């Protein structure tokens, strides 16, 4: 049972990246997925969350309008399209699976790691100015 992130890298400010989160060993369809990030010296913060059916998506204010979360259950993959990247987006990005279809049933705004039980190893995103 694992999640594997990919798609990170180095990009100039204003550029774009698409992160992928692939599941193996379990059926991703049933679970809410969250993207989190952690910059050096800072706490891990929620970036975006999506319910199992894609009916609910939530974004942190800092990324709203720039990032888009989506999922392809047939491929057991969740994506995070990141546009208009800024240097302050630099961080290690993690995806995580919750044990329930919709994380908002236990935390309405999806701002915490509470409820997310399976984590990937992270992928580095670096945005240069």
Protein backbone atom coordinates (compact mmCIF):
# COMPACT_ATOMS: atom_id res chain seq x y z
CA UNK A 1 0.00 0.00 0.00
CA UNK A 2 1.71 3.14 -1.13
CA UNK A 3 1.42 6.47 -2.86
CA UNK A 4 4.11 7.74 -5.18
CA UNK A 5 4.42 11.39 -6.19
CA UNK A 6 6.13 12.55 -9.35
CA UNK A 7 6.38 15.63 -11.52
CA UNK A 8 8.35 17.93 -9.26
CA UNK A 9 11.30 19.92 -10.46
CA UNK A 10 12.84 23.33 -10.94
CA UNK A 11 10.81 26.00 -12.72
CA UNK A 12 10.99 29.75 -13.09
CA UNK A 13 8.43 32.00 -11.48
CA UNK A 14 5.31 32.14 -13.62
CA UNK A 15 5.85 28.64 -14.92
CA UNK A 16 3.80 25.49 -14.50
CA UNK A 17 4.20 21.97 -13.23
CA UNK A 18 1.83 19.03 -12.93
CA UNK A 19 2.29 16.72 -10.01
CA UNK A 20 0.98 13.16 -10.06
CA UNK A 21 0.11 10.90 -7.16
CA UNK A 22 -0.17 7.24 -8.11
CA UNK A 23 -1.54 4.56 -5.84
CA UNK A 24 -0.46 0.97 -5.69
CA UNK A 25 -1.68 -1.84 -3.53
CA UNK A 26 -5.11 -0.33 -2.94
CA UNK A 27 -8.05 1.10 -4.86
CA UNK A 28 -7.73 4.84 -4.89
CA UNK A 29 -11.34 5.35 -6.01
CA UNK A 30 -12.79 5.09 -2.54
CA UNK A 31 -10.69 7.66 -0.76
CA UNK A 32 -10.30 11.38 -0.43
CA UNK A 33 -6.87 12.63 -1.43
CA UNK A 34 -4.99 15.65 -0.22
CA UNK A 35 -1.94 17.48 -1.44
CA UNK A 36 0.27 19.01 1.23
CA UNK A 37 3.56 20.86 1.15
CA UNK A 38 6.36 21.57 3.55
CA UNK A 39 8.98 24.23 3.10
CA UNK A 40 12.25 24.19 5.08
CA UNK A 41 11.69 25.31 8.64
CA UNK A 42 7.93 25.43 8.24
CA UNK A 43 5.08 23.17 9.18
CA UNK A 44 3.35 20.95 6.67
CA UNK A 45 0.36 22.73 5.21
CA UNK A 46 -2.61 21.61 3.19
CA UNK A 47 -2.69 22.76 -0.41
CA UNK A 48 -5.73 21.06 -1.88
CA UNK A 49 -8.11 18.18 -1.26
CA UNK A 50 -10.49 16.20 -3.44
CA UNK A 51 -13.23 13.75 -2.58
CA UNK A 52 -13.43 10.26 -4.04
CA UNK A 53 -16.04 11.31 -6.61
CA UNK A 54 -14.33 14.63 -7.40
CA UNK A 55 -17.52 16.31 -6.20
CA UNK A 56 -15.68 18.25 -3.52
CA UNK A 57 -12.48 20.17 -4.10
CA UNK A 58 -10.86 22.53 -1.64
CA UNK A 59 -7.93 24.87 -2.04
CA UNK A 60 -5.78 26.85 0.31
CA UNK A 61 -6.23 30.58 -0.18
CA UNK A 62 -2.59 30.88 -1.22
CA UNK A 63 -3.10 28.67 -4.29
CA UNK A 64 -6.71 29.36 -5.20
CA UNK A 65 -7.02 30.30 -8.86
CA UNK A 66 -3.57 28.96 -9.68
CA UNK A 67 -3.69 25.28 -8.74
CA UNK A 68 -6.20 22.65 -9.88
CA UNK A 69 -6.67 19.25 -8.30
CA UNK A 70 -8.18 16.41 -10.29
CA UNK A 71 -8.26 12.65 -10.30
CA UNK A 72 -8.52 9.79 -12.74
CA UNK A 73 -9.79 6.84 -10.76
CA UNK A 74 -9.37 4.52 -13.71
CA UNK A 75 -5.64 5.22 -13.50
CA UNK A 76 -5.59 5.39 -9.68
CA UNK A 77 -3.93 8.77 -10.00
CA UNK A 78 -4.55 12.23 -8.60
CA UNK A 79 -3.05 15.31 -10.19
CA UNK A 80 -2.15 18.78 -9.03
CA UNK A 81 -1.80 21.24 -11.90
CA UNK A 82 0.19 24.21 -10.68
CA UNK A 83 0.22 27.37 -12.78
CA UNK A 84 1.63 30.84 -12.20
CA UNK A 85 4.12 29.42 -9.76
CA UNK A 86 5.77 31.73 -7.26
CA UNK A 87 9.01 31.36 -5.28
CA UNK A 88 6.93 30.92 -2.13
CA UNK A 89 5.48 27.73 -3.63
CA UNK A 90 8.89 26.12 -3.19
CA UNK A 91 8.48 23.07 -0.95
CA UNK A 92 8.34 19.31 -0.84
CA UNK A 93 4.88 18.30 -1.99
CA UNK A 94 3.18 15.23 -0.54
CA UNK A 95 -0.01 13.46 -1.42
CA UNK A 96 -1.99 11.59 1.17
CA UNK A 97 -5.03 9.34 1.22
CA UNK A 98 -7.73 9.56 3.84
CA UNK A 99 -9.62 6.46 4.94
CA UNK A 100 -12.93 8.01 3.90
CA UNK A 101 -14.45 9.26 0.63
CA UNK A 102 -14.75 12.90 1.68
CA UNK A 103 -12.37 14.52 4.14
CA UNK A 104 -14.78 17.37 4.79
CA UNK A 105 -16.90 15.04 6.92
CA UNK A 106 -14.21 15.21 9.61
CA UNK A 107 -12.55 18.50 8.79
CA UNK A 108 -14.71 20.84 6.72
CA UNK A 109 -11.93 23.02 5.37
CA UNK A 110 -9.25 20.36 4.85
CA UNK A 111 -6.51 22.37 6.51
CA UNK A 112 -4.93 19.64 8.65
CA UNK A 113 -3.27 16.29 8.26
CA UNK A 114 -5.91 14.77 10.55
CA UNK A 115 -7.64 11.87 8.82
CA UNK A 116 -4.96 11.27 6.21
CA UNK A 117 -3.45 7.87 6.90
CA UNK A 118 -1.32 6.96 3.90
CA UNK A 119 1.42 9.27 2.68
CA UNK A 120 3.77 9.42 -0.25
CA UNK A 121 7.47 10.15 0.01
CA UNK A 122 7.19 13.64 -1.46
CA UNK A 123 8.46 15.41 -4.55
CA UNK A 124 10.51 18.60 -4.53
CA UNK A 125 9.19 21.71 -6.25
CA UNK A 126 11.57 24.63 -6.57
CA UNK A 127 10.48 27.93 -8.09
CA UNK A 128 13.23 30.38 -8.95
CA UNK A 129 12.69 34.11 -9.07
